[in-house]
Amino acid sequence: MAPEVFATPLGLNPNLHLSTFSVRTGDRLVFFTDGLLEARDQAGRLFSVSEHLQTLRRPSLQSAIDELLDQVRAHPLPPWGRRRRPARRAHADRRRQRSR
């Protein structure tokens, strides 16, 4: 299933250099979204995956992922990164008022 024409995925540098690598039994590939890389703390510092590589080397894959998630959650959001959810009760009250 080779494409007829190579096209860079949206958001990637169009001067992308392709490379290959081998994966052996026991190797781990970790896929994550840019949300992990763009998580900022109170001082505006980005979460650094490279600082947490030792966590990903744990023998148990599940414990490695659980600990990484704990570390991301412990990386506090700056005030502008917090999202406030509307209270469900307030939302329900507004719906009731409109239906009257």
PDB file of N, CA and C in Angstrom:
ATOM      1  N   MET A   1       0.825  -1.180   0.000  1.00  0.00           N
ATOM      2  CA  MET A   1       0.000   0.000   0.000  1.00  0.00           C
ATOM      3  C   MET A   1       0.875   1.250   0.000  1.00  0.00           C
ATOM      4  N   ALA A   2       1.652   1.422  -0.993  1.00  0.00           N
ATOM      5  CA  ALA A   2       2.510   2.604  -1.113  1.00  0.00           C
ATOM      6  C   ALA A   2       1.767   3.694  -1.865  1.00  0.00           C
ATOM      7  N   PRO A   3       1.764   4.914  -1.321  1.00  0.00           N
ATOM      8  CA  PRO A   3       1.086   6.012  -2.034  1.00  0.00           C
ATOM      9  C   PRO A   3       1.832   6.348  -3.318  1.00  0.00           C
ATOM     10  N   GLU A   4       1.093   6.819  -4.308  1.00  0.00           N
ATOM     11  CA  GLU A   4       1.713   7.204  -5.575  1.00  0.00           C
ATOM     12  C   GLU A   4       2.591   8.431  -5.401  1.00  0.00           C
ATOM     13  N   VAL A   5       2.157   9.346  -4.546  1.00  0.00           N
ATOM     14  CA  VAL A   5       2.886  10.583  -4.306  1.00  0.00           C
ATOM     15  C   VAL A   5       3.028  10.763  -2.797  1.00  0.00           C
ATOM     16  N   PHE A   6       4.235  11.081  -2.370  1.00  0.00           N
ATOM     17  CA  PHE A   6       4.444  11.317  -0.950  1.00  0.00           C
ATOM     18  C   PHE A   6       3.928  12.702  -0.580  1.00  0.00           C
ATOM     19  N   ALA A   7       3.119  12.776   0.473  1.00  0.00           N
ATOM     20  CA  ALA A   7       2.615  14.050   0.973  1.00  0.00           C
ATOM     21  C   ALA A   7       2.877  14.107   2.474  1.00  0.00           C
ATOM     22  N   THR A   8       3.415  15.214   2.917  1.00  0.00           N
ATOM     23  CA  THR A   8       3.695  15.385   4.336  1.00  0.00           C
ATOM     24  C   THR A   8       2.387  15.523   5.101  1.00  0.00           C
ATOM     25  N   PRO A   9       2.234  14.791   6.207  1.00  0.00           N
ATOM     26  CA  PRO A   9       1.020  14.952   7.018  1.00  0.00           C
ATOM     27  C   PRO A   9       0.877  16.392   7.509  1.00  0.00           C
ATOM     28  N   LEU A  10      -0.343  16.819   7.677  1.00  0.00           N
ATOM     29  CA  LEU A  10      -0.636  18.169   8.128  1.00  0.00           C
ATOM     30  C   LEU A  10       0.112  18.478   9.418  1.00  0.00           C
ATOM     31  N   GLY A  11       0.785  19.611   9.456  1.00  0.00           N
ATOM     32  CA  GLY A  11       1.483  20.041  10.654  1.00  0.00           C
ATOM     33  C   GLY A  11       2.942  19.631  10.717  1.00  0.00           C
ATOM     34  N   LEU A  12       3.397  18.797   9.813  1.00  0.00           N
ATOM     35  CA  LEU A  12       4.800  18.391   9.817  1.00  0.00           C
ATOM     36  C   LEU A  12       5.599  19.209   8.811  1.00  0.00           C
ATOM     37  N   ASN A  13       6.859  19.315   9.075  1.00  0.00           N
ATOM     38  CA  ASN A  13       7.767  20.033   8.190  1.00  0.00           C
ATOM     39  C   ASN A  13       7.788  19.357   6.812  1.00  0.00           C
ATOM     40  N   PRO A  14       7.569  20.094   5.738  1.00  0.00           N
ATOM     41  CA  PRO A  14       7.564  19.484   4.411  1.00  0.00           C
ATOM     42  C   PRO A  14       8.937  18.948   3.987  1.00  0.00           C
ATOM     43  N   ASN A  15      10.011  19.327   4.685  1.00  0.00           N
ATOM     44  CA  ASN A  15      11.350  18.816   4.366  1.00  0.00           C
ATOM     45  C   ASN A  15      11.686  17.601   5.219  1.00  0.00           C
ATOM     46  N   LEU A  16      10.701  16.809   5.489  1.00  0.00           N
ATOM     47  CA  LEU A  16      10.837  15.625   6.320  1.00  0.00           C
ATOM     48  C   LEU A  16      11.795  14.623   5.682  1.00  0.00           C
ATOM     49  N   HIS A  17      12.710  14.080   6.477  1.00  0.00           N
ATOM     50  CA  HIS A  17      13.628  13.053   5.991  1.00  0.00           C
ATOM     51  C   HIS A  17      13.187  11.707   6.544  1.00  0.00           C
ATOM     52  N   LEU A  18      12.848  10.804   5.667  1.00  0.00           N
ATOM     53  CA  LEU A  18      12.386   9.485   6.079  1.00  0.00           C
ATOM     54  C   LEU A  18      13.549   8.622   6.536  1.00  0.00           C
ATOM     55  N   SER A  19      13.293   7.789   7.520  1.00  0.00           N
ATOM     56  CA  SER A  19      14.298   6.836   7.980  1.00  0.00           C
ATOM     57  C   SER A  19      13.589   5.564   8.419  1.00  0.00           C
ATOM     58  N   THR A  20      14.324   4.513   8.570  1.00  0.00           N
ATOM     59  CA  THR A  20      13.766   3.244   9.023  1.00  0.00           C
ATOM     60  C   THR A  20      14.526   2.792  10.261  1.00  0.00           C
ATOM     61  N   PHE A  21      13.915   1.912  11.012  1.00  0.00           N
ATOM     62  CA  PHE A  21      14.566   1.324  12.171  1.00  0.00           C
ATOM     63  C   PHE A  21      13.972  -0.056  12.399  1.00  0.00           C
ATOM     64  N   SER A  22      14.673  -0.857  13.150  1.00  0.00           N
ATOM     65  CA  SER A  22      14.219  -2.214  13.449  1.00  0.00           C
ATOM     66  C   SER A  22      13.664  -2.265  14.862  1.00  0.00           C
ATOM     67  N   VAL A  23      12.651  -3.064  15.029  1.00  0.00           N
ATOM     68  CA  VAL A  23      12.065  -3.286  16.344  1.00  0.00           C
ATOM     69  C   VAL A  23      12.246  -4.759  16.670  1.00  0.00           C
ATOM     70  N   ARG A  24      12.826  -4.998  17.846  1.00  0.00           N
ATOM     71  CA  ARG A  24      13.074  -6.379  18.267  1.00  0.00           C
ATOM     72  C   ARG A  24      12.111  -6.753  19.392  1.00  0.00           C
ATOM     73  N   THR A  25      11.988  -8.016  19.638  1.00  0.00           N
ATOM     74  CA  THR A  25      11.186  -8.500  20.749  1.00  0.00           C
ATOM     75  C   THR A  25      11.670  -7.848  22.035  1.00  0.00           C
ATOM     76  N   GLY A  26      10.734  -7.320  22.802  1.00  0.00           N
ATOM     77  CA  GLY A  26      11.081  -6.658  24.053  1.00  0.00           C
ATOM     78  C   GLY A  26      11.233  -5.151  23.933  1.00  0.00           C
ATOM     79  N   ASP A  27      11.379  -4.628  22.704  1.00  0.00           N
ATOM     80  CA  ASP A  27      11.456  -3.180  22.500  1.00  0.00           C
ATOM     81  C   ASP A  27      10.079  -2.569  22.752  1.00  0.00           C
ATOM     82  N   ARG A  28      10.059  -1.312  23.102  1.00  0.00           N
ATOM     83  CA  ARG A  28       8.800  -0.601  23.317  1.00  0.00           C
ATOM     84  C   ARG A  28       8.734   0.618  22.409  1.00  0.00           C
ATOM     85  N   LEU A  29       7.588   0.798  21.819  1.00  0.00           N
ATOM     86  CA  LEU A  29       7.298   2.017  21.067  1.00  0.00           C
ATOM     87  C   LEU A  29       6.234   2.764  21.858  1.00  0.00           C
ATOM     88  N   VAL A  30       6.468   4.011  22.129  1.00  0.00           N
ATOM     89  CA  VAL A  30       5.516   4.810  22.887  1.00  0.00           C
ATOM     90  C   VAL A  30       4.981   5.899  21.962  1.00  0.00           C
ATOM     91  N   PHE A  31       3.688   5.888  21.749  1.00  0.00           N
ATOM     92  CA  PHE A  31       3.036   6.895  20.921  1.00  0.00           C
ATOM     93  C   PHE A  31       2.274   7.840  21.842  1.00  0.00           C
ATOM     94  N   PHE A  32       2.374   9.120  21.573  1.00  0.00           N
ATOM     95  CA  PHE A  32       1.643  10.096  22.362  1.00  0.00           C
ATOM     96  C   PHE A  32       1.327  11.290  21.488  1.00  0.00           C
ATOM     97  N   THR A  33       0.373  12.078  21.940  1.00  0.00           N
ATOM     98  CA  THR A  33      -0.042  13.251  21.174  1.00  0.00           C
ATOM     99  C   THR A  33       0.747  14.474  21.622  1.00  0.00           C
ATOM    100  N   ASP A  34       0.585  15.557  20.901  1.00  0.00           N
ATOM    101  CA  ASP A  34       1.279  16.789  21.250  1.00  0.00           C
ATOM    102  C   ASP A  34       0.775  17.381  22.559  1.00  0.00           C
ATOM    103  N   GLY A  35      -0.371  16.916  23.040  1.00  0.00           N
ATOM    104  CA  GLY A  35      -0.865  17.384  24.330  1.00  0.00           C
ATOM    105  C   GLY A  35       0.112  17.075  25.451  1.00  0.00           C
ATOM    106  N   LEU A  36       0.809  15.962  25.356  1.00  0.00           N
ATOM    107  CA  LEU A  36       1.816  15.617  26.364  1.00  0.00           C
ATOM    108  C   LEU A  36       2.996  16.565  26.270  1.00  0.00           C
ATOM    109  N   LEU A  37       3.454  16.819  25.074  1.00  0.00           N
ATOM    110  CA  LEU A  37       4.615  17.692  24.880  1.00  0.00           C
ATOM    111  C   LEU A  37       4.323  19.150  25.205  1.00  0.00           C
ATOM    112  N   GLU A  38       3.062  19.541  25.100  1.00  0.00           N
ATOM    113  CA  GLU A  38       2.706  20.937  25.307  1.00  0.00           C
ATOM    114  C   GLU A  38       2.159  21.220  26.702  1.00  0.00           C
ATOM    115  N   ALA A  39       2.156  20.204  27.583  1.00  0.00           N
ATOM    116  CA  ALA A  39       1.702  20.426  28.960  1.00  0.00           C
ATOM    117  C   ALA A  39       2.701  21.344  29.654  1.00  0.00           C
ATOM    118  N   ARG A  40       2.214  22.440  30.211  1.00  0.00           N
ATOM    119  CA  ARG A  40       3.079  23.427  30.870  1.00  0.00           C
ATOM    120  C   ARG A  40       2.778  23.465  32.365  1.00  0.00           C
ATOM    121  N   ASP A  41       3.806  23.808  33.139  1.00  0.00           N
ATOM    122  CA  ASP A  41       3.608  23.966  34.573  1.00  0.00           C
ATOM    123  C   ASP A  41       3.329  25.434  34.899  1.00  0.00           C
ATOM    124  N   GLN A  42       3.242  25.757  36.195  1.00  0.00           N
ATOM    125  CA  GLN A  42       2.912  27.120  36.627  1.00  0.00           C
ATOM    126  C   GLN A  42       3.896  28.154  36.081  1.00  0.00           C
ATOM    127  N   ALA A  43       5.166  27.748  35.901  1.00  0.00           N
ATOM    128  CA  ALA A  43       6.192  28.677  35.397  1.00  0.00           C
ATOM    129  C   ALA A  43       6.221  28.716  33.875  1.00  0.00           C
ATOM    130  N   GLY A  44       5.353  27.945  33.229  1.00  0.00           N
ATOM    131  CA  GLY A  44       5.320  27.930  31.768  1.00  0.00           C
ATOM    132  C   GLY A  44       6.272  26.924  31.142  1.00  0.00           C
ATOM    133  N   ARG A  45       6.940  26.103  31.973  1.00  0.00           N
ATOM    134  CA  ARG A  45       7.871  25.100  31.438  1.00  0.00           C
ATOM    135  C   ARG A  45       7.092  23.921  30.872  1.00  0.00           C
ATOM    136  N   LEU A  46       7.559  23.433  29.733  1.00  0.00           N
ATOM    137  CA  LEU A  46       6.922  22.290  29.084  1.00  0.00           C
ATOM    138  C   LEU A  46       7.278  20.993  29.803  1.00  0.00           C
ATOM    139  N   PHE A  47       6.361  20.033  29.749  1.00  0.00           N
ATOM    140  CA  PHE A  47       6.634  18.697  30.267  1.00  0.00           C
ATOM    141  C   PHE A  47       7.685  18.070  29.364  1.00  0.00           C
ATOM    142  N   SER A  48       8.709  17.488  29.954  1.00  0.00           N
ATOM    143  CA  SER A  48       9.800  16.910  29.174  1.00  0.00           C
ATOM    144  C   SER A  48       9.749  15.383  29.231  1.00  0.00           C
ATOM    145  N   VAL A  49       9.381  14.775  28.132  1.00  0.00           N
ATOM    146  CA  VAL A  49       9.331  13.318  28.079  1.00  0.00           C
ATOM    147  C   VAL A  49      10.727  12.738  28.318  1.00  0.00           C
ATOM    148  N   SER A  50      11.758  13.395  27.795  1.00  0.00           N
ATOM    149  CA  SER A  50      13.116  12.870  27.947  1.00  0.00           C
ATOM    150  C   SER A  50      13.546  12.794  29.411  1.00  0.00           C
ATOM    151  N   GLU A  51      12.976  13.635  30.270  1.00  0.00           N
ATOM    152  CA  GLU A  51      13.293  13.578  31.693  1.00  0.00           C
ATOM    153  C   GLU A  51      12.599  12.411  32.391  1.00  0.00           C
ATOM    154  N   HIS A  52      11.685  11.753  31.704  1.00  0.00           N
ATOM    155  CA  HIS A  52      10.914  10.669  32.308  1.00  0.00           C
ATOM    156  C   HIS A  52      11.153   9.330  31.606  1.00  0.00           C
ATOM    157  N   LEU A  53      12.217   9.235  30.856  1.00  0.00           N
ATOM    158  CA  LEU A  53      12.494   7.990  30.134  1.00  0.00           C
ATOM    159  C   LEU A  53      12.735   6.814  31.075  1.00  0.00           C
ATOM    160  N   GLN A  54      13.349   7.076  32.227  1.00  0.00           N
ATOM    161  CA  GLN A  54      13.593   5.986  33.173  1.00  0.00           C
ATOM    162  C   GLN A  54      12.285   5.337  33.612  1.00  0.00           C
ATOM    163  N   THR A  55      11.253   6.144  33.738  1.00  0.00           N
ATOM    164  CA  THR A  55       9.930   5.620  34.090  1.00  0.00           C
ATOM    165  C   THR A  55       9.459   4.632  33.038  1.00  0.00           C
ATOM    166  N   LEU A  56       9.678   4.961  31.781  1.00  0.00           N
ATOM    167  CA  LEU A  56       9.214   4.092  30.693  1.00  0.00           C
ATOM    168  C   LEU A  56      10.035   2.821  30.560  1.00  0.00           C
ATOM    169  N   ARG A  57      11.155   2.755  31.263  1.00  0.00           N
ATOM    170  CA  ARG A  57      11.999   1.556  31.213  1.00  0.00           C
ATOM    171  C   ARG A  57      11.622   0.537  32.283  1.00  0.00           C
ATOM    172  N   ARG A  58      10.617   0.798  33.062  1.00  0.00           N
ATOM    173  CA  ARG A  58      10.200  -0.158  34.100  1.00  0.00           C
ATOM    174  C   ARG A  58       9.837  -1.482  33.444  1.00  0.00           C
ATOM    175  N   PRO A  59      10.108  -2.592  34.140  1.00  0.00           N
ATOM    176  CA  PRO A  59       9.820  -3.911  33.552  1.00  0.00           C
ATOM    177  C   PRO A  59       8.341  -4.111  33.200  1.00  0.00           C
ATOM    178  N   SER A  60       7.456  -3.619  34.061  1.00  0.00           N
ATOM    179  CA  SER A  60       6.026  -3.768  33.797  1.00  0.00           C
ATOM    180  C   SER A  60       5.545  -2.595  32.954  1.00  0.00           C
ATOM    181  N   LEU A  61       5.061  -2.889  31.764  1.00  0.00           N
ATOM    182  CA  LEU A  61       4.571  -1.832  30.883  1.00  0.00           C
ATOM    183  C   LEU A  61       3.423  -1.064  31.536  1.00  0.00           C
ATOM    184  N   GLN A  62       2.511  -1.781  32.192  1.00  0.00           N
ATOM    185  CA  GLN A  62       1.369  -1.121  32.824  1.00  0.00           C
ATOM    186  C   GLN A  62       1.823  -0.162  33.920  1.00  0.00           C
ATOM    187  N   SER A  63       2.780  -0.584  34.754  1.00  0.00           N
ATOM    188  CA  SER A  63       3.240   0.312  35.821  1.00  0.00           C
ATOM    189  C   SER A  63       4.014   1.501  35.244  1.00  0.00           C
ATOM    190  N   ALA A  64       4.714   1.290  34.131  1.00  0.00           N
ATOM    191  CA  ALA A  64       5.432   2.390  33.479  1.00  0.00           C
ATOM    192  C   ALA A  64       4.448   3.444  32.981  1.00  0.00           C
ATOM    193  N   ILE A  65       3.392   3.010  32.324  1.00  0.00           N
ATOM    194  CA  ILE A  65       2.393   3.947  31.799  1.00  0.00           C
ATOM    195  C   ILE A  65       1.654   4.636  32.940  1.00  0.00           C
ATOM    196  N   ASP A  66       1.284   3.858  33.968  1.00  0.00           N
ATOM    197  CA  ASP A  66       0.590   4.452  35.110  1.00  0.00           C
ATOM    198  C   ASP A  66       1.439   5.527  35.774  1.00  0.00           C
ATOM    199  N   GLU A  67       2.727   5.253  35.960  1.00  0.00           N
ATOM    200  CA  GLU A  67       3.598   6.239  36.601  1.00  0.00           C
ATOM    201  C   GLU A  67       3.795   7.468  35.719  1.00  0.00           C
ATOM    202  N   LEU A  68       3.941   7.263  34.408  1.00  0.00           N
ATOM    203  CA  LEU A  68       4.082   8.411  33.511  1.00  0.00           C
ATOM    204  C   LEU A  68       2.836   9.294  33.576  1.00  0.00           C
ATOM    205  N   LEU A  69       1.668   8.678  33.581  1.00  0.00           N
ATOM    206  CA  LEU A  69       0.427   9.446  33.692  1.00  0.00           C
ATOM    207  C   LEU A  69       0.372  10.205  35.014  1.00  0.00           C
ATOM    208  N   ASP A  70       0.823   9.577  36.106  1.00  0.00           N
ATOM    209  CA  ASP A  70       0.871  10.268  37.396  1.00  0.00           C
ATOM    210  C   ASP A  70       1.799  11.476  37.323  1.00  0.00           C
ATOM    211  N   GLN A  71       2.926  11.328  36.646  1.00  0.00           N
ATOM    212  CA  GLN A  71       3.882  12.430  36.520  1.00  0.00           C
ATOM    213  C   GLN A  71       3.310  13.569  35.691  1.00  0.00           C
ATOM    214  N   VAL A  72       2.572  13.236  34.652  1.00  0.00           N
ATOM    215  CA  VAL A  72       1.938  14.283  33.833  1.00  0.00           C
ATOM    216  C   VAL A  72       0.880  15.005  34.661  1.00  0.00           C
ATOM    217  N   ARG A  73       0.081  14.252  35.403  1.00  0.00           N
ATOM    218  CA  ARG A  73      -0.960  14.870  36.237  1.00  0.00           C
ATOM    219  C   ARG A  73      -0.359  15.743  37.330  1.00  0.00           C
ATOM    220  N   ALA A  74       0.832  15.394  37.801  1.00  0.00           N
ATOM    221  CA  ALA A  74       1.495  16.176  38.850  1.00  0.00           C
ATOM    222  C   ALA A  74       2.147  17.441  38.285  1.00  0.00           C
ATOM    223  N   HIS A  75       2.244  17.527  36.979  1.00  0.00           N
ATOM    224  CA  HIS A  75       2.826  18.688  36.299  1.00  0.00           C
ATOM    225  C   HIS A  75       1.711  19.731  36.227  1.00  0.00           C
ATOM    226  N   PRO A  76       1.667  20.692  37.170  1.00  0.00           N
ATOM    227  CA  PRO A  76       0.495  21.568  37.273  1.00  0.00           C
ATOM    228  C   PRO A  76       0.319  22.482  36.067  1.00  0.00           C
ATOM    229  N   LEU A  77      -0.926  22.696  35.740  1.00  0.00           N
ATOM    230  CA  LEU A  77      -1.257  23.592  34.628  1.00  0.00           C
ATOM    231  C   LEU A  77      -1.102  25.040  35.046  1.00  0.00           C
ATOM    232  N   PRO A  78      -0.683  25.895  34.124  1.00  0.00           N
ATOM    233  CA  PRO A  78      -0.682  27.326  34.427  1.00  0.00           C
ATOM    234  C   PRO A  78      -2.129  27.816  34.491  1.00  0.00           C
ATOM    235  N   PRO A  79      -2.373  28.940  35.140  1.00  0.00           N
ATOM    236  CA  PRO A  79      -3.749  29.426  35.277  1.00  0.00           C
ATOM    237  C   PRO A  79      -4.486  29.545  33.947  1.00  0.00           C
ATOM    238  N   TRP A  80      -3.791  29.954  32.872  1.00  0.00           N
ATOM    239  CA  TRP A  80      -4.475  30.126  31.584  1.00  0.00           C
ATOM    240  C   TRP A  80      -4.775  28.788  30.909  1.00  0.00           C
ATOM    241  N   GLY A  81      -4.204  27.686  31.408  1.00  0.00           N
ATOM    242  CA  GLY A  81      -4.441  26.376  30.799  1.00  0.00           C
ATOM    243  C   GLY A  81      -5.567  25.611  31.445  1.00  0.00           C
ATOM    244  N   ARG A  82      -6.099  26.118  32.540  1.00  0.00           N
ATOM    245  CA  ARG A  82      -7.186  25.421  33.219  1.00  0.00           C
ATOM    246  C   ARG A  82      -8.493  25.687  32.501  1.00  0.00           C
ATOM    247  N   ARG A  83      -9.277  24.651  32.381  1.00  0.00           N
ATOM    248  CA  ARG A  83     -10.596  24.801  31.766  1.00  0.00           C
ATOM    249  C   ARG A  83     -11.636  24.658  32.852  1.00  0.00           C
ATOM    250  N   ARG A  84     -12.557  25.553  32.866  1.00  0.00           N
ATOM    251  CA  ARG A  84     -13.626  25.465  33.852  1.00  0.00           C
ATOM    252  C   ARG A  84     -14.832  24.826  33.196  1.00  0.00           C
ATOM    253  N   ARG A  85     -15.365  23.833  33.858  1.00  0.00           N
ATOM    254  CA  ARG A  85     -16.563  23.180  33.348  1.00  0.00           C
ATOM    255  C   ARG A  85     -17.782  23.843  33.965  1.00  0.00           C
ATOM    256  N   PRO A  86     -18.791  24.093  33.177  1.00  0.00           N
ATOM    257  CA  PRO A  86     -20.004  24.647  33.780  1.00  0.00           C
ATOM    258  C   PRO A  86     -20.644  23.617  34.695  1.00  0.00           C
ATOM    259  N   ALA A  87     -21.160  24.070  35.783  1.00  0.00           N
ATOM    260  CA  ALA A  87     -21.811  23.149  36.716  1.00  0.00           C
ATOM    261  C   ALA A  87     -23.029  22.535  36.038  1.00  0.00           C
ATOM    262  N   ARG A  88     -23.216  21.249  36.231  1.00  0.00           N
ATOM    263  CA  ARG A  88     -24.356  20.571  35.599  1.00  0.00           C
ATOM    264  C   ARG A  88     -25.667  21.138  36.109  1.00  0.00           C
ATOM    265  N   ARG A  89     -25.704  21.464  37.378  1.00  0.00           N
ATOM    266  CA  ARG A  89     -26.931  21.983  37.948  1.00  0.00           C
ATOM    267  C   ARG A  89     -27.314  23.315  37.304  1.00  0.00           C
ATOM    268  N   ALA A  90     -26.337  24.193  37.140  1.00  0.00           N
ATOM    269  CA  ALA A  90     -26.625  25.494  36.514  1.00  0.00           C
ATOM    270  C   ALA A  90     -27.121  25.294  35.088  1.00  0.00           C
ATOM    271  N   HIS A  91     -26.537  24.352  34.380  1.00  0.00           N
ATOM    272  CA  HIS A  91     -26.951  24.066  33.007  1.00  0.00           C
ATOM    273  C   HIS A  91     -28.391  23.554  32.993  1.00  0.00           C
ATOM    274  N   ALA A  92     -28.717  22.661  33.900  1.00  0.00           N
ATOM    275  CA  ALA A  92     -30.069  22.114  33.969  1.00  0.00           C
ATOM    276  C   ALA A  92     -31.067  23.208  34.336  1.00  0.00           C
ATOM    277  N   ASP A  93     -30.683  24.117  35.260  1.00  0.00           N
ATOM    278  CA  ASP A  93     -31.566  25.222  35.636  1.00  0.00           C
ATOM    279  C   ASP A  93     -31.879  26.115  34.439  1.00  0.00           C
ATOM    280  N   ARG A  94     -30.865  26.404  33.614  1.00  0.00           N
ATOM    281  CA  ARG A  94     -31.080  27.246  32.432  1.00  0.00           C
ATOM    282  C   ARG A  94     -32.042  26.576  31.451  1.00  0.00           C
ATOM    283  N   ARG A  95     -31.900  25.257  31.294  1.00  0.00           N
ATOM    284  CA  ARG A  95     -32.800  24.546  30.384  1.00  0.00           C
ATOM    285  C   ARG A  95     -34.237  24.623  30.886  1.00  0.00           C
ATOM    286  N   ARG A  96     -34.420  24.461  32.170  1.00  0.00           N
ATOM    287  CA  ARG A  96     -35.772  24.538  32.741  1.00  0.00           C
ATOM    288  C   ARG A  96     -36.371  25.922  32.540  1.00  0.00           C
ATOM    289  N   GLN A  97     -35.559  26.968  32.703  1.00  0.00           N
ATOM    290  CA  GLN A  97     -36.069  28.338  32.544  1.00  0.00           C
ATOM    291  C   GLN A  97     -36.499  28.595  31.107  1.00  0.00           C
ATOM    292  N   ARG A  98     -35.761  28.061  30.152  1.00  0.00           N
ATOM    293  CA  ARG A  98     -36.098  28.269  28.731  1.00  0.00           C
ATOM    294  C   ARG A  98     -37.390  27.537  28.370  1.00  0.00           C
ATOM    295  N   SER A  99     -37.641  26.416  28.997  1.00  0.00           N
ATOM    296  CA  SER A  99     -38.819  25.626  28.620  1.00  0.00           C
ATOM    297  C   SER A  99     -40.112  26.174  29.224  1.00  0.00           C
ATOM    298  N   ARG A 100     -40.011  27.132  30.126  1.00  0.00           N
ATOM    299  CA  ARG A 100     -41.226  27.705  30.752  1.00  0.00           C
ATOM    300  C   ARG A 100     -41.942  28.646  29.831  1.00  0.00           C
TER     301      ARG A 100
END
